Every structure is written in structure tokens, then in C-alpha cells.
Amino acid sequence: MTEQKLPTSTVPVNAAATPPSDTNPDNLIPDPIVCAEFGVTAMTLWRWTRDPELNFPPPIAIRNRNFRSRRQLEAFKARMLMRAIRQRRGADQHQDDDNDDADQGRRPGHPG
């Protein structure tokens, strides 16, 4: 039997043990878990995926099952939260403006 020489690594031992700059690998979440997390059905998830305005994270298909990137899901949640906050602020300001207009129409001493 002949002796085979295995290739040797030119990478220093310490460098091989050093993790890449991104030390938090992304997790893949199965679609049924995503549905439960968002409280929606699989049909809603399908619609969100196909809605270009919503920009929902695309599926990653592995062996005929769909998964979503945890990072992309968290970014989506943050975007939706910020959008809701902006809409709420706008609605609150609009209601305040309406209330100010109604208050100006009232005469002192007369309710309503």
C-alpha cells in the first residue's frame, strides 16, 4: 500500500479557530412556526410573500419545506412597528386638531 500525503493547511492554527466577523449565524424558521409567531394562517403568509409593497421575507425552500430567515423576520417586525408608530402619531395629531376645532366652537359656560 502506498502512503498518501495529505495536503497541509497554510492557515495558522489560531486563524482557523477565529470565527468570521459575523459571530451570530442566521437561524431558519419553518413557516408553521412563522405563522404561529405572527398569529396568521398559511394562506396569509402566502399572500404576504406575494405582496411587493409589504416586503415580507422570501421563503427559503429546503426539501419541499419553506423556512424564513430570523434576521429578515426581525427586520420586518421592526419596519412594521415603526410604520404603525408613524401612522398612530399621524392619527393622534389629526384627532388633536379635530378636538381643538371642536373646542373653539364652544362658548364658555355652555357644555357640548
Protein backbone atom coordinates (compact mmCIF):
# COMPACT_ATOMS: atom_id res chain seq x y z
CA MET A 1 0.00 0.00 0.00
CA THR A 2 1.36 3.41 -0.91
CA GLU A 3 1.48 6.21 1.55
CA GLN A 4 -0.56 9.27 0.63
CA LYS A 5 0.46 12.71 1.66
CA LEU A 6 -2.42 14.81 2.88
CA PRO A 7 -2.41 18.47 1.95
CA THR A 8 -1.28 20.68 4.76
CA SER A 9 -3.04 23.87 5.64
CA THR A 10 -1.22 27.15 5.28
CA VAL A 11 -3.67 28.81 7.67
CA PRO A 12 -2.25 29.38 11.15
CA VAL A 13 -3.96 27.35 13.87
CA ASN A 14 -5.26 30.44 15.69
CA ALA A 15 -6.76 31.88 12.49
CA ALA A 16 -8.73 28.68 11.85
CA ALA A 17 -10.29 28.89 15.30
CA THR A 18 -11.27 32.53 14.86
CA PRO A 19 -14.91 32.89 13.90
CA PRO A 20 -15.85 35.08 10.96
CA SER A 21 -16.71 38.72 11.60
CA ASP A 22 -20.38 37.79 11.87
CA THR A 23 -20.47 35.71 15.04
CA ASN A 24 -24.25 35.27 15.09
CA PRO A 25 -25.32 32.83 12.39
CA ASP A 26 -28.80 33.25 10.99
CA ASN A 27 -31.50 30.80 12.06
CA LEU A 28 -34.03 29.38 9.64
CA ILE A 29 -37.59 29.33 10.97
CA PRO A 30 -40.12 26.89 9.44
CA ASP A 31 -43.23 28.51 8.01
CA PRO A 32 -45.61 26.86 10.53
CA ILE A 33 -43.61 28.50 13.34
CA VAL A 34 -43.67 31.82 11.47
CA CYS A 35 -47.48 31.52 11.17
CA ALA A 36 -47.78 30.88 14.90
CA GLU A 37 -45.41 33.73 15.73
CA PHE A 38 -47.42 36.24 13.69
CA GLY A 39 -50.79 34.70 14.54
CA VAL A 40 -51.74 34.18 10.89
CA THR A 41 -52.70 31.28 8.66
CA ALA A 42 -50.55 29.70 5.96
CA MET A 43 -52.75 31.43 3.37
CA THR A 44 -51.98 34.83 4.90
CA LEU A 45 -48.28 34.02 4.87
CA TRP A 46 -48.58 33.07 1.20
CA ARG A 47 -50.30 36.42 0.46
CA TRP A 48 -47.70 38.39 2.39
CA THR A 49 -44.95 36.68 0.42
CA ARG A 50 -46.53 37.76 -2.86
CA ASP A 51 -47.30 41.36 -1.79
CA PRO A 52 -44.44 43.53 -3.15
CA GLU A 53 -45.46 46.54 -1.02
CA LEU A 54 -45.24 44.55 2.21
CA ASN A 55 -41.69 43.33 1.50
CA PHE A 56 -42.13 40.19 3.64
CA PRO A 57 -39.02 37.96 3.82
CA PRO A 58 -38.94 35.45 0.96
CA PRO A 59 -39.10 31.72 1.67
CA ILE A 60 -36.02 29.54 1.62
CA ALA A 61 -37.06 26.15 0.25
CA ILE A 62 -35.27 23.10 1.63
CA ARG A 63 -36.58 19.63 0.72
CA ASN A 64 -40.00 20.97 -0.20
CA ARG A 65 -40.39 22.91 3.07
CA ASN A 66 -40.29 26.67 3.43
CA PHE A 67 -38.20 28.48 6.01
CA ARG A 68 -37.64 32.18 6.72
CA SER A 69 -34.54 33.96 7.90
CA ARG A 70 -34.80 35.01 11.55
CA ARG A 71 -32.86 38.20 10.83
CA GLN A 72 -35.18 39.14 7.98
CA LEU A 73 -38.24 38.39 10.12
CA GLU A 74 -36.94 40.61 12.91
CA ALA A 75 -36.18 43.40 10.42
CA PHE A 76 -39.72 43.03 9.03
CA LYS A 77 -41.20 43.31 12.53
CA ALA A 78 -39.13 46.43 13.22
CA ARG A 79 -40.31 48.03 9.94
CA MET A 80 -43.94 47.23 10.69
CA LEU A 81 -43.61 48.58 14.23
CA MET A 82 -42.10 51.83 13.00
CA ARG A 83 -44.81 52.15 10.35
CA ALA A 84 -47.53 51.60 12.96
CA ILE A 85 -45.97 54.18 15.27
CA ARG A 86 -45.82 56.76 12.46
CA GLN A 87 -49.43 56.06 11.49
CA ARG A 88 -50.51 56.30 15.12
CA ARG A 89 -48.75 59.62 15.58
CA GLY A 90 -50.40 60.96 12.45
CA ALA A 91 -53.83 59.76 13.60
CA ASP A 92 -53.32 61.21 17.08
CA GLN A 93 -52.27 64.57 15.67
CA HIS A 94 -55.28 64.55 13.36
CA GLN A 95 -57.61 63.82 16.30
CA ASP A 96 -55.97 66.57 18.36
CA ASP A 97 -56.55 69.02 15.51
CA ASP A 98 -60.21 67.94 15.30
CA ASN A 99 -60.63 68.31 19.06
CA ASP A 100 -59.08 71.79 19.00
CA ASP A 101 -61.52 72.82 16.26
CA ALA A 102 -64.45 71.48 18.27
CA ASP A 103 -63.27 73.25 21.45
CA GLN A 104 -63.07 76.59 19.63
CA GLY A 105 -66.71 76.30 18.58
CA ARG A 106 -67.94 76.02 22.17
CA ARG A 107 -68.99 79.05 24.15
CA PRO A 108 -67.86 79.37 27.77
CA GLY A 109 -70.48 78.21 30.23
CA HIS A 110 -72.38 76.10 27.66
CA PRO A 111 -71.49 72.40 27.57
CA GLY A 112 -71.25 70.45 24.34
